[in-house]
């Protein structure tokens, strides 16, 4: 039996009652893809040289005043599905650019015993212009987990 993904379930739960969901949000955005750049911080290894740089996937983002809730799934840098849920709030803004901070909860694989989960604080830039937007993330290295910093750009649209 194939395992149903965490991100797919969250996305469907958010999208099923779309009319009431849209009514609860000031804006509904759809994440369509992303690109990343990995910067070696510690010693480069053969493993870290072959990271995926493009990340196909889908997600949905609900904005209500200064708060944002997002969920979805994309193919991560290790070529595995990554399901995510983020909750964030505006820290500062300048025209269409916002600095946001919050929490990220994600699942990026499984071991024989349990899923591999990531729970981390995040800070990112959110730029919106009319019907398109971009989120810019910078994730620092964590020695023993990953030996590289990740700069990630996520594209989004709204209708």
C-alpha atoms as a PDB file:
ATOM      1  CA  UNK A   1       0.000   0.000   0.000  1.00  0.00           C
ATOM      2  CA  UNK A   2       1.439   3.350  -1.008  1.00  0.00           C
ATOM      3  CA  UNK A   3       1.870   5.932   1.760  1.00  0.00           C
ATOM      4  CA  UNK A   4      -0.122   9.147   1.302  1.00  0.00           C
ATOM      5  CA  UNK A   5       2.067  12.204   1.775  1.00  0.00           C
ATOM      6  CA  UNK A   6       1.707  14.601   4.690  1.00  0.00           C
ATOM      7  CA  UNK A   7       1.871  17.684   2.409  1.00  0.00           C
ATOM      8  CA  UNK A   8      -0.764  16.348   0.019  1.00  0.00           C
ATOM      9  CA  UNK A   9      -3.181  15.733   2.881  1.00  0.00           C
ATOM     10  CA  UNK A  10      -2.583  19.220   4.292  1.00  0.00           C
ATOM     11  CA  UNK A  11      -3.021  20.827   0.871  1.00  0.00           C
ATOM     12  CA  UNK A  12      -6.265  18.926   0.247  1.00  0.00           C
ATOM     13  CA  UNK A  13      -7.610  19.786   3.682  1.00  0.00           C
ATOM     14  CA  UNK A  14      -6.926  23.431   2.964  1.00  0.00           C
ATOM     15  CA  UNK A  15      -8.355  23.289  -0.563  1.00  0.00           C
ATOM     16  CA  UNK A  16     -11.483  21.141  -0.080  1.00  0.00           C
ATOM     17  CA  UNK A  17     -13.648  23.868   1.423  1.00  0.00           C
ATOM     18  CA  UNK A  18     -12.132  26.401  -0.996  1.00  0.00           C
ATOM     19  CA  UNK A  19     -14.949  28.935  -0.762  1.00  0.00           C
ATOM     20  CA  UNK A  20     -14.875  29.067   3.043  1.00  0.00           C
ATOM     21  CA  UNK A  21     -11.075  28.813   3.014  1.00  0.00           C
ATOM     22  CA  UNK A  22     -10.809  31.757   0.613  1.00  0.00           C
ATOM     23  CA  UNK A  23     -13.304  33.697   2.710  1.00  0.00           C
ATOM     24  CA  UNK A  24     -11.155  33.124   5.813  1.00  0.00           C
ATOM     25  CA  UNK A  25      -8.056  34.490   4.037  1.00  0.00           C
ATOM     26  CA  UNK A  26      -7.334  37.979   2.789  1.00  0.00           C
ATOM     27  CA  UNK A  27      -5.227  36.389   0.019  1.00  0.00           C
ATOM     28  CA  UNK A  28      -4.719  32.825  -1.225  1.00  0.00           C
ATOM     29  CA  UNK A  29      -1.422  32.108  -3.010  1.00  0.00           C
ATOM     30  CA  UNK A  30      -0.302  28.921  -4.775  1.00  0.00           C
ATOM     31  CA  UNK A  31       3.358  27.841  -4.577  1.00  0.00           C
ATOM     32  CA  UNK A  32       4.373  26.406  -7.938  1.00  0.00           C
ATOM     33  CA  UNK A  33       8.118  25.651  -7.806  1.00  0.00           C
ATOM     34  CA  UNK A  34      11.445  26.718  -6.393  1.00  0.00           C
ATOM     35  CA  UNK A  35      15.176  26.872  -7.040  1.00  0.00           C
ATOM     36  CA  UNK A  36      18.064  26.623  -4.586  1.00  0.00           C
ATOM     37  CA  UNK A  37      21.774  27.229  -4.305  1.00  0.00           C
ATOM     38  CA  UNK A  38      23.929  25.237  -1.877  1.00  0.00           C
ATOM     39  CA  UNK A  39      27.041  26.878  -0.436  1.00  0.00           C
ATOM     40  CA  UNK A  40      29.667  24.555   1.062  1.00  0.00           C
ATOM     41  CA  UNK A  41      30.610  25.724   4.540  1.00  0.00           C
ATOM     42  CA  UNK A  42      32.601  22.859   5.981  1.00  0.00           C
ATOM     43  CA  UNK A  43      34.660  20.431   3.898  1.00  0.00           C
ATOM     44  CA  UNK A  44      33.108  19.644   0.497  1.00  0.00           C
ATOM     45  CA  UNK A  45      32.171  16.014  -0.025  1.00  0.00           C
ATOM     46  CA  UNK A  46      31.165  14.021  -3.082  1.00  0.00           C
ATOM     47  CA  UNK A  47      27.683  13.686  -1.589  1.00  0.00           C
ATOM     48  CA  UNK A  48      27.052  17.432  -1.286  1.00  0.00           C
ATOM     49  CA  UNK A  49      28.218  18.242  -4.837  1.00  0.00           C
ATOM     50  CA  UNK A  50      25.228  16.615  -6.506  1.00  0.00           C
ATOM     51  CA  UNK A  51      22.289  18.410  -4.944  1.00  0.00           C
ATOM     52  CA  UNK A  52      19.087  19.031  -6.879  1.00  0.00           C
ATOM     53  CA  UNK A  53      18.823  22.755  -7.691  1.00  0.00           C
ATOM     54  CA  UNK A  54      15.230  22.861  -8.994  1.00  0.00           C
ATOM     55  CA  UNK A  55      12.306  21.846  -6.827  1.00  0.00           C
ATOM     56  CA  UNK A  56       9.010  21.017  -8.534  1.00  0.00           C
ATOM     57  CA  UNK A  57       6.034  20.933  -6.232  1.00  0.00           C
ATOM     58  CA  UNK A  58       2.796  22.508  -5.134  1.00  0.00           C
ATOM     59  CA  UNK A  59       1.634  24.364  -2.059  1.00  0.00           C
ATOM     60  CA  UNK A  60      -0.987  26.781  -0.855  1.00  0.00           C
ATOM     61  CA  UNK A  61      -0.551  29.884   1.296  1.00  0.00           C
ATOM     62  CA  UNK A  62      -3.227  31.743   3.261  1.00  0.00           C
ATOM     63  CA  UNK A  63      -2.576  35.346   4.304  1.00  0.00           C
ATOM     64  CA  UNK A  64      -4.711  37.044   6.933  1.00  0.00           C
ATOM     65  CA  UNK A  65      -3.542  40.541   7.891  1.00  0.00           C
ATOM     66  CA  UNK A  66       0.123  40.087   8.931  1.00  0.00           C
ATOM     67  CA  UNK A  67      -0.141  36.305   9.448  1.00  0.00           C
ATOM     68  CA  UNK A  68       0.650  33.562   6.914  1.00  0.00           C
ATOM     69  CA  UNK A  69      -0.065  29.828   6.966  1.00  0.00           C
ATOM     70  CA  UNK A  70       1.364  27.648   4.168  1.00  0.00           C
ATOM     71  CA  UNK A  71       1.410  23.917   3.404  1.00  0.00           C
ATOM     72  CA  UNK A  72       2.550  21.795   0.476  1.00  0.00           C
ATOM     73  CA  UNK A  73       5.082  19.398  -0.967  1.00  0.00           C
ATOM     74  CA  UNK A  74       8.097  19.681  -3.259  1.00  0.00           C
ATOM     75  CA  UNK A  75      11.084  17.578  -4.291  1.00  0.00           C
ATOM     76  CA  UNK A  76      13.955  18.584  -2.008  1.00  0.00           C
ATOM     77  CA  UNK A  77      17.685  18.843  -2.694  1.00  0.00           C
ATOM     78  CA  UNK A  78      18.211  15.152  -1.931  1.00  0.00           C
ATOM     79  CA  UNK A  79      15.618  14.241  -4.595  1.00  0.00           C
ATOM     80  CA  UNK A  80      13.099  13.201  -1.944  1.00  0.00           C
ATOM     81  CA  UNK A  81       9.589  14.529  -1.344  1.00  0.00           C
ATOM     82  CA  UNK A  82       9.498  17.231   1.346  1.00  0.00           C
ATOM     83  CA  UNK A  83       6.170  18.091   2.938  1.00  0.00           C
ATOM     84  CA  UNK A  84       5.976  21.356   4.840  1.00  0.00           C
ATOM     85  CA  UNK A  85       3.741  23.458   7.047  1.00  0.00           C
ATOM     86  CA  UNK A  86       4.784  26.983   8.008  1.00  0.00           C
ATOM     87  CA  UNK A  87       3.211  29.619  10.202  1.00  0.00           C
ATOM     88  CA  UNK A  88       4.717  33.098  10.131  1.00  0.00           C
ATOM     89  CA  UNK A  89       4.067  36.737  10.846  1.00  0.00           C
ATOM     90  CA  UNK A  90       5.311  40.035   9.393  1.00  0.00           C
ATOM     91  CA  UNK A  91       8.265  41.545  11.257  1.00  0.00           C
ATOM     92  CA  UNK A  92       8.871  44.532   8.975  1.00  0.00           C
ATOM     93  CA  UNK A  93       7.701  45.736   5.573  1.00  0.00           C
ATOM     94  CA  UNK A  94       8.787  48.152   2.876  1.00  0.00           C
ATOM     95  CA  UNK A  95       6.361  48.616  -0.037  1.00  0.00           C
ATOM     96  CA  UNK A  96       5.759  45.095  -1.440  1.00  0.00           C
ATOM     97  CA  UNK A  97       8.656  43.470   0.454  1.00  0.00           C
ATOM     98  CA  UNK A  98       8.058  41.887   3.867  1.00  0.00           C
ATOM     99  CA  UNK A  99      10.420  40.318   6.383  1.00  0.00           C
ATOM    100  CA  UNK A 100       8.643  37.357   7.944  1.00  0.00           C
ATOM    101  CA  UNK A 101       9.498  35.030  10.825  1.00  0.00           C
ATOM    102  CA  UNK A 102       7.860  31.861  12.066  1.00  0.00           C
ATOM    103  CA  UNK A 103       8.128  28.086  12.364  1.00  0.00           C
ATOM    104  CA  UNK A 104       8.675  25.382   9.753  1.00  0.00           C
ATOM    105  CA  UNK A 105       7.551  21.795  10.258  1.00  0.00           C
ATOM    106  CA  UNK A 106       8.538  19.352   7.537  1.00  0.00           C
ATOM    107  CA  UNK A 107       8.897  15.676   6.740  1.00  0.00           C
ATOM    108  CA  UNK A 108      11.637  14.701   4.280  1.00  0.00           C
ATOM    109  CA  UNK A 109      11.832  10.919   4.333  1.00  0.00           C
ATOM    110  CA  UNK A 110      11.591   7.828   6.485  1.00  0.00           C
ATOM    111  CA  UNK A 111      13.847   5.434   8.302  1.00  0.00           C
ATOM    112  CA  UNK A 112      12.813   1.887   9.143  1.00  0.00           C
ATOM    113  CA  UNK A 113      11.371   3.121  12.437  1.00  0.00           C
ATOM    114  CA  UNK A 114       9.997   6.617  11.921  1.00  0.00           C
ATOM    115  CA  UNK A 115       9.661   9.594   9.591  1.00  0.00           C
ATOM    116  CA  UNK A 116      12.509  12.125   9.386  1.00  0.00           C
ATOM    117  CA  UNK A 117      11.078  15.439  10.544  1.00  0.00           C
ATOM    118  CA  UNK A 118      12.428  18.954  10.647  1.00  0.00           C
ATOM    119  CA  UNK A 119      11.115  21.563  13.077  1.00  0.00           C
ATOM    120  CA  UNK A 120      12.923  24.870  12.829  1.00  0.00           C
ATOM    121  CA  UNK A 121      12.477  28.614  13.211  1.00  0.00           C
ATOM    122  CA  UNK A 122      12.544  30.451   9.897  1.00  0.00           C
ATOM    123  CA  UNK A 123      13.013  34.002   8.675  1.00  0.00           C
ATOM    124  CA  UNK A 124      12.457  34.934   5.050  1.00  0.00           C
ATOM    125  CA  UNK A 125      11.681  37.747   2.637  1.00  0.00           C
ATOM    126  CA  UNK A 126       8.298  37.779   0.912  1.00  0.00           C
ATOM    127  CA  UNK A 127       7.907  39.929  -2.226  1.00  0.00           C
ATOM    128  CA  UNK A 128       4.530  40.357  -3.940  1.00  0.00           C
ATOM    129  CA  UNK A 129       3.595  42.314  -7.006  1.00  0.00           C
ATOM    130  CA  UNK A 130       0.047  42.099  -8.329  1.00  0.00           C
ATOM    131  CA  UNK A 131      -0.645  38.385  -9.017  1.00  0.00           C
ATOM    132  CA  UNK A 132       2.908  37.028  -8.637  1.00  0.00           C
ATOM    133  CA  UNK A 133       5.274  36.685  -5.701  1.00  0.00           C
ATOM    134  CA  UNK A 134       8.563  35.232  -4.532  1.00  0.00           C
ATOM    135  CA  UNK A 135       9.705  33.980  -1.131  1.00  0.00           C
ATOM    136  CA  UNK A 136      13.459  34.147  -0.409  1.00  0.00           C
ATOM    137  CA  UNK A 137      14.777  31.778   2.294  1.00  0.00           C
ATOM    138  CA  UNK A 138      18.299  31.463   3.724  1.00  0.00           C
ATOM    139  CA  UNK A 139      18.876  28.312   5.784  1.00  0.00           C
ATOM    140  CA  UNK A 140      22.147  28.133   7.736  1.00  0.00           C
ATOM    141  CA  UNK A 141      24.246  24.951   7.937  1.00  0.00           C
ATOM    142  CA  UNK A 142      23.868  22.614  10.882  1.00  0.00           C
ATOM    143  CA  UNK A 143      27.085  20.706  11.478  1.00  0.00           C
ATOM    144  CA  UNK A 144      26.409  17.004  11.612  1.00  0.00           C
ATOM    145  CA  UNK A 145      23.133  17.349   9.683  1.00  0.00           C
ATOM    146  CA  UNK A 146      24.146  19.286   6.580  1.00  0.00           C
ATOM    147  CA  UNK A 147      27.465  20.914   5.735  1.00  0.00           C
ATOM    148  CA  UNK A 148      26.067  23.605   3.471  1.00  0.00           C
ATOM    149  CA  UNK A 149      23.970  26.740   3.644  1.00  0.00           C
ATOM    150  CA  UNK A 150      20.905  26.783   1.404  1.00  0.00           C
ATOM    151  CA  UNK A 151      19.514  29.800  -0.393  1.00  0.00           C
ATOM    152  CA  UNK A 152      16.031  28.948  -1.636  1.00  0.00           C
ATOM    153  CA  UNK A 153      13.632  30.902  -3.857  1.00  0.00           C
ATOM    154  CA  UNK A 154       9.982  29.869  -4.007  1.00  0.00           C
ATOM    155  CA  UNK A 155       7.657  31.180  -6.742  1.00  0.00           C
ATOM    156  CA  UNK A 156       3.963  31.803  -6.130  1.00  0.00           C
ATOM    157  CA  UNK A 157       0.894  33.037  -7.992  1.00  0.00           C
ATOM    158  CA  UNK A 158      -2.683  33.976  -7.139  1.00  0.00           C
ATOM    159  CA  UNK A 159      -5.832  34.179  -9.200  1.00  0.00           C
END
